[in-house]
Each structure stands twice: as structure tokens, then as C-alpha cells.
Amino acid sequence: MDWSIFLADVASEVTLVHRRNEFRGALDSVEKVQQLKNQGKINLITPGEVVGLKGDGKLESVIIRKTSNAAEDITLEVDNFIPLFGLSPKLGPIADWGLEIEKNAIKVDTFDYQTNIPGIYAIGDVNTYPGKLKLILCGFHEATLMCQSAYQRIFPR
């Protein structure tokens, strides 16, 4: 969804193909995609799946299956194709460790990304704090501070 939002102002045409009618992304991204669709700035195909690529020496079209029925396949001429898959972080057994959880993410102190349990850290998409941005770059920053803190914990002198 985020790529579609960004490309809506850059590309002459954008088509987002999603395997379900519902989205699990951030609510603001879902709302923005719907808004761009309603404004005619992006095309939205749901439920759909890209099942083939065609071209002679370069990509010329993609084949999209709207349902499980191959008779409803759509061939869409394209210049570019960006295959992405969504991420839906699940805490699994970590959710039972006694960590402070907020909106399916682990709350941390931004000083060193330590959780409410001393010596347990959380970095990346699994954590949350005021102003959190789910960007890879932010994860690198979090990891750097976490590693410094963990090192001091392991080697206090």
C-alpha cells in the first residue's frame, strides 16, 4: 500500500493487486489507498493475484487472476512490476513473557530499547514507543543503541 501511495504522485498509472478484499496494513495507509482509488489516482484489483509475467526481452504485461477461476484472468500492460508481500507481525509465545504490550507490539524505553523486564530488548517492527516509525532505517538506529546497552550489561567494567 505504501508504494502505491507514493507512486500515485510519480507514475502515470498505478495498479495495486491484493489477494483479499480486506487490508491488514496501517489504518492510515488503508484509508489513503481508498481515497486515491476514489480519486482515480490508483487502480485497485481485489481479490487478485499476479499469476504470470509476459514479455520479449523486457516485461510487457502481467497476468492477474481475479478469482480462482482462470477464465477471469486479466492481462494488464505494464512498464514495471513491484512484487511485495505484506507483513503481519505476530508476537507468538513472546506475548506470554510478561512484557508490556500495546497494540500487538512491545513497549520499550527509547534510551536503549529495553522492555519493562531488565535485560530484554525489542527492536524493529515488534516494538512500539511514542513517535515510532516502522522503517528499516529506524531499526538500525534502535539496534545500535540496544547493542551498546547490552554490551554494558554483559561487560559492566
N, C-alpha and C. Protein backbone atom coordinates (compact mmCIF):
# COMPACT_ATOMS: atom_id res chain seq x y z
N MET A 1 0.82 -1.19 0.00
CA MET A 1 0.00 0.00 0.00
C MET A 1 0.86 1.26 0.00
N ASP A 2 1.94 1.23 0.78
CA ASP A 2 2.78 2.43 0.87
C ASP A 2 3.42 2.78 -0.46
N TRP A 3 3.87 1.76 -1.22
CA TRP A 3 4.43 2.02 -2.54
C TRP A 3 3.36 2.62 -3.46
N SER A 4 2.16 2.10 -3.40
CA SER A 4 1.08 2.62 -4.24
C SER A 4 0.79 4.07 -3.92
N ILE A 5 0.78 4.40 -2.64
CA ILE A 5 0.54 5.78 -2.20
C ILE A 5 1.62 6.69 -2.75
N PHE A 6 2.88 6.29 -2.58
CA PHE A 6 4.00 7.09 -3.06
C PHE A 6 3.96 7.25 -4.58
N LEU A 7 3.76 6.14 -5.29
CA LEU A 7 3.82 6.17 -6.75
C LEU A 7 2.63 6.88 -7.39
N ALA A 8 1.55 7.04 -6.64
CA ALA A 8 0.36 7.72 -7.20
C ALA A 8 0.69 9.12 -7.68
N ASP A 9 1.68 9.77 -7.07
CA ASP A 9 2.07 11.12 -7.47
C ASP A 9 3.26 11.14 -8.42
N VAL A 10 3.80 9.96 -8.74
CA VAL A 10 5.01 9.87 -9.56
C VAL A 10 4.72 9.22 -10.90
N ALA A 11 4.02 8.09 -10.88
CA ALA A 11 3.77 7.31 -12.10
C ALA A 11 2.53 7.82 -12.82
N SER A 12 2.48 7.56 -14.12
CA SER A 12 1.31 7.97 -14.89
C SER A 12 0.10 7.10 -14.55
N GLU A 13 0.35 5.86 -14.12
CA GLU A 13 -0.73 4.96 -13.72
C GLU A 13 -0.19 3.94 -12.73
N VAL A 14 -0.98 3.64 -11.70
CA VAL A 14 -0.60 2.67 -10.68
C VAL A 14 -1.76 1.72 -10.46
N THR A 15 -1.46 0.41 -10.45
CA THR A 15 -2.46 -0.60 -10.14
C THR A 15 -1.96 -1.42 -8.96
N LEU A 16 -2.76 -1.49 -7.92
CA LEU A 16 -2.45 -2.30 -6.75
C LEU A 16 -3.29 -3.57 -6.81
N VAL A 17 -2.62 -4.72 -6.78
CA VAL A 17 -3.30 -6.01 -6.79
C VAL A 17 -3.11 -6.61 -5.40
N HIS A 18 -4.23 -6.97 -4.78
CA HIS A 18 -4.17 -7.52 -3.41
C HIS A 18 -5.01 -8.79 -3.35
N ARG A 19 -4.52 -9.79 -2.65
CA ARG A 19 -5.16 -11.11 -2.66
C ARG A 19 -6.49 -11.18 -1.92
N ARG A 20 -6.77 -10.19 -1.07
CA ARG A 20 -8.06 -10.17 -0.34
C ARG A 20 -8.75 -8.83 -0.55
N ASN A 21 -10.03 -8.79 -0.24
CA ASN A 21 -10.75 -7.52 -0.29
C ASN A 21 -10.38 -6.63 0.89
N GLU A 22 -9.98 -7.24 2.01
CA GLU A 22 -9.63 -6.50 3.21
C GLU A 22 -8.12 -6.32 3.27
N PHE A 23 -7.70 -5.20 3.89
CA PHE A 23 -6.28 -4.93 4.09
C PHE A 23 -5.97 -5.03 5.57
N ARG A 24 -4.76 -5.48 5.90
CA ARG A 24 -4.32 -5.56 7.29
C ARG A 24 -3.27 -4.51 7.61
N GLY A 25 -3.03 -3.60 6.71
CA GLY A 25 -1.99 -2.59 6.91
C GLY A 25 -2.42 -1.54 7.90
N ALA A 26 -1.55 -0.56 8.08
CA ALA A 26 -1.84 0.56 8.97
C ALA A 26 -3.11 1.26 8.49
N LEU A 27 -3.96 1.61 9.43
CA LEU A 27 -5.26 2.21 9.10
C LEU A 27 -5.12 3.45 8.22
N ASP A 28 -4.12 4.29 8.50
CA ASP A 28 -3.95 5.49 7.68
C ASP A 28 -3.57 5.13 6.24
N SER A 29 -2.79 4.06 6.04
CA SER A 29 -2.44 3.62 4.69
C SER A 29 -3.66 3.06 3.97
N VAL A 30 -4.47 2.28 4.68
CA VAL A 30 -5.69 1.72 4.08
C VAL A 30 -6.62 2.86 3.64
N GLU A 31 -6.79 3.85 4.51
CA GLU A 31 -7.67 4.98 4.18
C GLU A 31 -7.12 5.77 3.00
N LYS A 32 -5.81 5.97 2.94
CA LYS A 32 -5.20 6.73 1.86
C LYS A 32 -5.35 5.99 0.53
N VAL A 33 -5.17 4.66 0.53
CA VAL A 33 -5.35 3.87 -0.69
C VAL A 33 -6.79 3.99 -1.18
N GLN A 34 -7.75 3.87 -0.28
CA GLN A 34 -9.16 4.00 -0.67
C GLN A 34 -9.43 5.40 -1.23
N GLN A 35 -8.86 6.41 -0.59
CA GLN A 35 -9.04 7.78 -1.05
C GLN A 35 -8.45 7.96 -2.46
N LEU A 36 -7.25 7.45 -2.68
CA LEU A 36 -6.62 7.56 -4.00
C LEU A 36 -7.40 6.79 -5.06
N LYS A 37 -7.95 5.64 -4.67
CA LYS A 37 -8.80 4.87 -5.59
C LYS A 37 -10.03 5.69 -5.96
N ASN A 38 -10.69 6.26 -4.96
CA ASN A 38 -11.90 7.06 -5.20
C ASN A 38 -11.61 8.29 -6.05
N GLN A 39 -10.39 8.82 -5.96
CA GLN A 39 -9.99 9.98 -6.76
C GLN A 39 -9.51 9.59 -8.16
N GLY A 40 -9.45 8.27 -8.42
CA GLY A 40 -8.99 7.79 -9.72
C GLY A 40 -7.49 7.86 -9.91
N LYS A 41 -6.74 8.00 -8.80
CA LYS A 41 -5.28 8.11 -8.90
C LYS A 41 -4.59 6.75 -8.88
N ILE A 42 -5.28 5.72 -8.39
CA ILE A 42 -4.75 4.36 -8.48
C ILE A 42 -5.88 3.41 -8.85
N ASN A 43 -5.52 2.32 -9.48
CA ASN A 43 -6.46 1.25 -9.76
C ASN A 43 -6.27 0.19 -8.68
N LEU A 44 -7.35 -0.39 -8.22
CA LEU A 44 -7.29 -1.39 -7.17
C LEU A 44 -7.98 -2.66 -7.65
N ILE A 45 -7.26 -3.77 -7.63
CA ILE A 45 -7.83 -5.06 -8.03
C ILE A 45 -7.79 -5.98 -6.82
N THR A 46 -8.98 -6.29 -6.28
CA THR A 46 -9.12 -7.21 -5.14
C THR A 46 -10.37 -8.06 -5.35
N PRO A 47 -10.39 -9.29 -4.93
CA PRO A 47 -9.20 -10.06 -4.64
C PRO A 47 -8.51 -10.40 -5.95
N GLY A 48 -7.21 -10.41 -5.93
CA GLY A 48 -6.46 -10.71 -7.14
C GLY A 48 -5.08 -11.21 -6.82
N GLU A 49 -4.47 -11.83 -7.82
CA GLU A 49 -3.13 -12.38 -7.65
C GLU A 49 -2.43 -12.34 -9.00
N VAL A 50 -1.19 -11.88 -9.01
CA VAL A 50 -0.41 -11.91 -10.24
C VAL A 50 0.07 -13.34 -10.43
N VAL A 51 -0.35 -13.95 -11.53
CA VAL A 51 -0.03 -15.37 -11.77
C VAL A 51 0.92 -15.57 -12.95
N GLY A 52 1.28 -14.48 -13.64
CA GLY A 52 2.18 -14.63 -14.77
C GLY A 52 2.75 -13.31 -15.23
N LEU A 53 3.93 -13.40 -15.84
CA LEU A 53 4.60 -12.24 -16.43
C LEU A 53 4.87 -12.55 -17.88
N LYS A 54 4.68 -11.56 -18.77
CA LYS A 54 4.91 -11.78 -20.20
C LYS A 54 5.80 -10.66 -20.74
N GLY A 55 6.57 -11.02 -21.74
CA GLY A 55 7.41 -10.03 -22.40
C GLY A 55 8.44 -10.70 -23.27
N ASP A 56 9.02 -9.93 -24.17
CA ASP A 56 10.05 -10.44 -25.07
C ASP A 56 11.30 -9.59 -24.83
N GLY A 57 12.17 -10.07 -23.97
CA GLY A 57 13.37 -9.33 -23.64
C GLY A 57 13.18 -8.29 -22.55
N LYS A 58 11.95 -7.91 -22.30
CA LYS A 58 11.61 -7.00 -21.20
C LYS A 58 10.16 -7.24 -20.82
N LEU A 59 9.81 -6.85 -19.62
CA LEU A 59 8.45 -7.03 -19.14
C LEU A 59 7.48 -6.18 -19.96
N GLU A 60 6.40 -6.81 -20.41
CA GLU A 60 5.39 -6.09 -21.20
C GLU A 60 4.01 -6.14 -20.55
N SER A 61 3.73 -7.25 -19.83
CA SER A 61 2.42 -7.36 -19.20
C SER A 61 2.47 -8.35 -18.05
N VAL A 62 1.46 -8.24 -17.19
CA VAL A 62 1.28 -9.20 -16.10
C VAL A 62 -0.10 -9.82 -16.26
N ILE A 63 -0.21 -11.06 -15.79
CA ILE A 63 -1.50 -11.75 -15.82
C ILE A 63 -2.02 -11.78 -14.39
N ILE A 64 -3.23 -11.29 -14.22
CA ILE A 64 -3.85 -11.20 -12.91
C ILE A 64 -5.06 -12.10 -12.86
N ARG A 65 -5.13 -12.94 -11.86
CA ARG A 65 -6.28 -13.82 -11.66
C ARG A 65 -7.17 -13.16 -10.61
N LYS A 66 -8.38 -12.77 -11.02
CA LYS A 66 -9.32 -12.11 -10.11
C LYS A 66 -9.94 -13.07 -9.12
N THR A 67 -10.12 -14.30 -9.52
CA THR A 67 -10.68 -15.32 -8.62
C THR A 67 -9.92 -16.61 -8.89
N SER A 68 -10.34 -17.68 -8.29
CA SER A 68 -9.69 -18.97 -8.54
C SER A 68 -10.02 -19.50 -9.93
N ASN A 69 -10.90 -18.83 -10.64
CA ASN A 69 -11.32 -19.25 -11.97
C ASN A 69 -10.40 -18.62 -13.03
N ALA A 70 -9.58 -19.44 -13.69
CA ALA A 70 -8.64 -18.93 -14.69
C ALA A 70 -9.35 -18.24 -15.85
N ALA A 71 -10.63 -18.51 -16.04
CA ALA A 71 -11.38 -17.87 -17.13
C ALA A 71 -11.50 -16.37 -16.90
N GLU A 72 -11.27 -15.92 -15.68
CA GLU A 72 -11.38 -14.49 -15.38
C GLU A 72 -10.03 -13.80 -15.31
N ASP A 73 -8.97 -14.42 -15.86
CA ASP A 73 -7.65 -13.80 -15.86
C ASP A 73 -7.67 -12.50 -16.66
N ILE A 74 -6.91 -11.54 -16.18
CA ILE A 74 -6.79 -10.23 -16.82
C ILE A 74 -5.33 -10.06 -17.25
N THR A 75 -5.10 -9.60 -18.46
CA THR A 75 -3.75 -9.25 -18.90
C THR A 75 -3.64 -7.74 -18.87
N LEU A 76 -2.67 -7.26 -18.09
CA LEU A 76 -2.50 -5.81 -17.90
C LEU A 76 -1.14 -5.41 -18.44
N GLU A 77 -1.13 -4.48 -19.41
CA GLU A 77 0.14 -3.98 -19.94
C GLU A 77 0.81 -3.13 -18.87
N VAL A 78 2.11 -3.36 -18.68
CA VAL A 78 2.85 -2.65 -17.64
C VAL A 78 4.25 -2.27 -18.14
N ASP A 79 4.81 -1.27 -17.51
CA ASP A 79 6.20 -0.91 -17.73
C ASP A 79 7.06 -1.49 -16.60
N ASN A 80 6.48 -1.57 -15.41
CA ASN A 80 7.20 -2.06 -14.24
C ASN A 80 6.27 -2.88 -13.35
N PHE A 81 6.88 -3.77 -12.57
CA PHE A 81 6.14 -4.62 -11.66
C PHE A 81 6.94 -4.68 -10.35
N ILE A 82 6.31 -4.32 -9.25
CA ILE A 82 6.98 -4.36 -7.95
C ILE A 82 6.26 -5.38 -7.09
N PRO A 83 6.81 -6.60 -7.00
CA PRO A 83 6.17 -7.62 -6.15
C PRO A 83 6.55 -7.40 -4.69
N LEU A 84 5.56 -7.28 -3.84
CA LEU A 84 5.77 -7.11 -2.41
C LEU A 84 4.81 -8.00 -1.65
N PHE A 85 5.18 -8.34 -0.46
CA PHE A 85 4.27 -9.10 0.39
C PHE A 85 4.12 -8.34 1.69
N GLY A 86 2.95 -8.38 2.25
CA GLY A 86 2.69 -7.67 3.49
C GLY A 86 3.26 -8.42 4.68
N LEU A 87 3.46 -7.68 5.72
CA LEU A 87 3.96 -8.26 6.96
C LEU A 87 2.93 -8.05 8.04
N SER A 88 2.64 -9.10 8.75
CA SER A 88 1.70 -9.04 9.86
C SER A 88 2.40 -9.61 11.08
N PRO A 89 3.15 -8.75 11.82
CA PRO A 89 3.91 -9.28 12.95
C PRO A 89 3.00 -9.94 13.99
N LYS A 90 3.43 -11.11 14.43
CA LYS A 90 2.71 -11.84 15.46
C LYS A 90 3.70 -12.12 16.58
N LEU A 91 3.32 -11.82 17.81
CA LEU A 91 4.23 -11.99 18.93
C LEU A 91 4.41 -13.44 19.33
N GLY A 92 3.43 -14.28 19.08
CA GLY A 92 3.52 -15.69 19.44
C GLY A 92 3.76 -15.86 20.94
N PRO A 93 4.62 -16.80 21.32
CA PRO A 93 4.86 -17.08 22.75
C PRO A 93 5.44 -15.89 23.51
N ILE A 94 6.09 -14.96 22.81
CA ILE A 94 6.67 -13.79 23.49
C ILE A 94 5.58 -13.01 24.22
N ALA A 95 4.36 -13.06 23.73
CA ALA A 95 3.25 -12.33 24.35
C ALA A 95 2.97 -12.81 25.77
N ASP A 96 3.47 -14.01 26.12
CA ASP A 96 3.24 -14.57 27.45
C ASP A 96 4.42 -14.37 28.40
N TRP A 97 5.40 -13.57 28.03
CA TRP A 97 6.60 -13.38 28.84
C TRP A 97 6.44 -12.32 29.94
N GLY A 98 5.30 -11.65 29.98
CA GLY A 98 5.12 -10.58 30.97
C GLY A 98 5.62 -9.23 30.50
N LEU A 99 5.86 -9.12 29.20
CA LEU A 99 6.28 -7.84 28.63
C LEU A 99 5.09 -6.92 28.49
N GLU A 100 5.34 -5.63 28.59
CA GLU A 100 4.26 -4.66 28.42
C GLU A 100 3.93 -4.56 26.93
N ILE A 101 2.69 -4.88 26.58
CA ILE A 101 2.25 -4.92 25.18
C ILE A 101 1.24 -3.80 24.93
N GLU A 102 1.37 -3.17 23.78
CA GLU A 102 0.42 -2.13 23.36
C GLU A 102 0.18 -2.29 21.87
N LYS A 103 -1.06 -2.50 21.48
CA LYS A 103 -1.43 -2.66 20.07
C LYS A 103 -0.57 -3.72 19.38
N ASN A 104 -0.45 -4.88 19.99
CA ASN A 104 0.27 -6.02 19.45
C ASN A 104 1.76 -5.74 19.22
N ALA A 105 2.33 -4.81 20.00
CA ALA A 105 3.76 -4.50 19.92
C ALA A 105 4.29 -4.34 21.34
N ILE A 106 5.59 -4.54 21.50
CA ILE A 106 6.23 -4.49 22.81
C ILE A 106 6.69 -3.07 23.10
N LYS A 107 6.23 -2.53 24.23
CA LYS A 107 6.63 -1.17 24.63
C LYS A 107 8.08 -1.18 25.09
N VAL A 108 8.83 -0.17 24.67
CA VAL A 108 10.24 -0.05 25.04
C VAL A 108 10.58 1.36 25.48
N ASP A 109 11.71 1.46 26.17
CA ASP A 109 12.28 2.75 26.55
C ASP A 109 13.23 3.15 25.42
N THR A 110 13.07 4.32 24.83
CA THR A 110 13.89 4.72 23.69
C THR A 110 15.33 5.04 24.06
N PHE A 111 15.67 5.05 25.34
CA PHE A 111 17.06 5.25 25.74
C PHE A 111 17.93 4.11 25.21
N ASP A 112 17.43 2.86 25.37
CA ASP A 112 18.22 1.70 24.93
C ASP A 112 17.35 0.56 24.38
N TYR A 113 16.06 0.81 24.20
CA TYR A 113 15.11 -0.16 23.64
C TYR A 113 14.92 -1.39 24.52
N GLN A 114 15.09 -1.16 25.82
CA GLN A 114 14.84 -2.21 26.80
C GLN A 114 13.34 -2.23 27.12
N THR A 115 12.84 -3.40 27.36
CA THR A 115 11.43 -3.57 27.71
C THR A 115 11.25 -3.31 29.19
N ASN A 116 10.06 -3.58 29.70
CA ASN A 116 9.80 -3.43 31.14
C ASN A 116 10.52 -4.50 31.96
N ILE A 117 11.10 -5.49 31.31
CA ILE A 117 11.88 -6.52 32.01
C ILE A 117 13.36 -6.24 31.73
N PRO A 118 14.14 -5.91 32.77
CA PRO A 118 15.56 -5.60 32.56
C PRO A 118 16.30 -6.72 31.82
N GLY A 119 17.10 -6.31 30.82
CA GLY A 119 17.88 -7.27 30.05
C GLY A 119 17.17 -7.83 28.84
N ILE A 120 15.91 -7.51 28.68
CA ILE A 120 15.17 -7.94 27.48
C ILE A 120 14.90 -6.70 26.64
N TYR A 121 15.37 -6.75 25.40
CA TYR A 121 15.27 -5.63 24.48
C TYR A 121 14.33 -6.00 23.33
N ALA A 122 13.78 -5.00 22.68
CA ALA A 122 12.95 -5.23 21.49
C ALA A 122 13.25 -4.12 20.49
N ILE A 123 13.64 -4.52 19.29
CA ILE A 123 13.93 -3.55 18.23
C ILE A 123 13.17 -3.93 16.97
N GLY A 124 12.99 -2.98 16.09
CA GLY A 124 12.34 -3.24 14.81
C GLY A 124 10.82 -3.16 14.91
N ASP A 125 10.16 -3.82 13.98
CA ASP A 125 8.70 -3.73 13.88
C ASP A 125 7.97 -4.30 15.08
N VAL A 126 8.65 -5.08 15.91
CA VAL A 126 7.99 -5.72 17.06
C VAL A 126 7.80 -4.74 18.22
N ASN A 127 8.48 -3.60 18.19
CA ASN A 127 8.37 -2.69 19.34
C ASN A 127 7.49 -1.48 19.03
N THR A 128 7.17 -0.75 20.12
CA THR A 128 6.41 0.49 19.97
C THR A 128 6.86 1.49 21.02
N TYR A 129 6.74 2.76 20.67
CA TYR A 129 7.04 3.88 21.56
C TYR A 129 6.46 5.12 20.91
N PRO A 130 6.30 6.21 21.66
CA PRO A 130 5.73 7.42 21.05
C PRO A 130 6.56 7.89 19.86
N GLY A 131 5.90 8.11 18.74
CA GLY A 131 6.56 8.58 17.53
C GLY A 131 7.19 7.48 16.69
N LYS A 132 6.92 6.23 16.99
CA LYS A 132 7.52 5.09 16.29
C LYS A 132 7.23 5.17 14.79
N LEU A 133 8.28 5.01 13.98
CA LEU A 133 8.15 4.88 12.53
C LEU A 133 8.64 3.49 12.16
N LYS A 134 7.86 2.74 11.42
CA LYS A 134 8.25 1.39 11.03
C LYS A 134 9.04 1.46 9.73
N LEU A 135 10.29 1.86 9.89
CA LEU A 135 11.21 1.98 8.77
C LEU A 135 12.46 1.16 9.07
N ILE A 136 13.05 0.57 8.06
CA ILE A 136 14.27 -0.21 8.25
C ILE A 136 15.35 0.65 8.88
N LEU A 137 15.47 1.88 8.43
CA LEU A 137 16.48 2.80 8.97
C LEU A 137 16.32 2.96 10.48
N CYS A 138 15.10 3.06 10.96
CA CYS A 138 14.85 3.20 12.40
C CYS A 138 15.30 1.95 13.14
N GLY A 139 15.09 0.79 12.54
CA GLY A 139 15.54 -0.46 13.15
C GLY A 139 17.05 -0.50 13.34
N PHE A 140 17.81 0.04 12.37
CA PHE A 140 19.27 0.10 12.51
C PHE A 140 19.65 1.00 13.69
N HIS A 141 18.99 2.13 13.81
CA HIS A 141 19.25 3.06 14.93
C HIS A 141 18.94 2.37 16.25
N GLU A 142 17.78 1.72 16.33
CA GLU A 142 17.40 1.01 17.56
C GLU A 142 18.41 -0.07 17.91
N ALA A 143 18.88 -0.81 16.90
CA ALA A 143 19.84 -1.89 17.13
C ALA A 143 21.15 -1.36 17.68
N THR A 144 21.60 -0.22 17.17
CA THR A 144 22.86 0.37 17.64
C THR A 144 22.78 0.71 19.12
N LEU A 145 21.72 1.39 19.53
CA LEU A 145 21.57 1.76 20.93
C LEU A 145 21.36 0.54 21.82
N MET A 146 20.61 -0.42 21.34
CA MET A 146 20.37 -1.65 22.10
C MET A 146 21.67 -2.41 22.32
N CYS A 147 22.49 -2.53 21.27
CA CYS A 147 23.75 -3.26 21.39
C CYS A 147 24.70 -2.60 22.37
N GLN A 148 24.76 -1.28 22.36
CA GLN A 148 25.61 -0.58 23.33
C GLN A 148 25.15 -0.88 24.75
N SER A 149 23.87 -0.86 24.98
CA SER A 149 23.33 -1.14 26.31
C SER A 149 23.57 -2.59 26.72
N ALA A 150 23.33 -3.52 25.80
CA ALA A 150 23.55 -4.92 26.11
C ALA A 150 25.03 -5.20 26.40
N TYR A 151 25.92 -4.56 25.66
CA TYR A 151 27.35 -4.72 25.89
C TYR A 151 27.72 -4.25 27.29
N GLN A 152 27.18 -3.10 27.69
CA GLN A 152 27.45 -2.58 29.04
C GLN A 152 26.88 -3.50 30.10
N ARG A 153 25.78 -4.13 29.83
CA ARG A 153 25.18 -5.08 30.77
C ARG A 153 26.05 -6.32 30.92
N ILE A 154 26.59 -6.80 29.79
CA ILE A 154 27.42 -8.01 29.81
C ILE A 154 28.82 -7.72 30.37
N PHE A 155 29.38 -6.57 29.99
CA PHE A 155 30.72 -6.17 30.42
C PHE A 155 30.63 -4.83 31.16
N PRO A 156 30.18 -4.82 32.41
CA PRO A 156 29.96 -3.56 33.13
C PRO A 156 31.22 -2.76 33.37
N ARG A 157 32.38 -3.34 33.31
CA ARG A 157 33.63 -2.59 33.53
C ARG A 157 34.29 -2.28 32.22
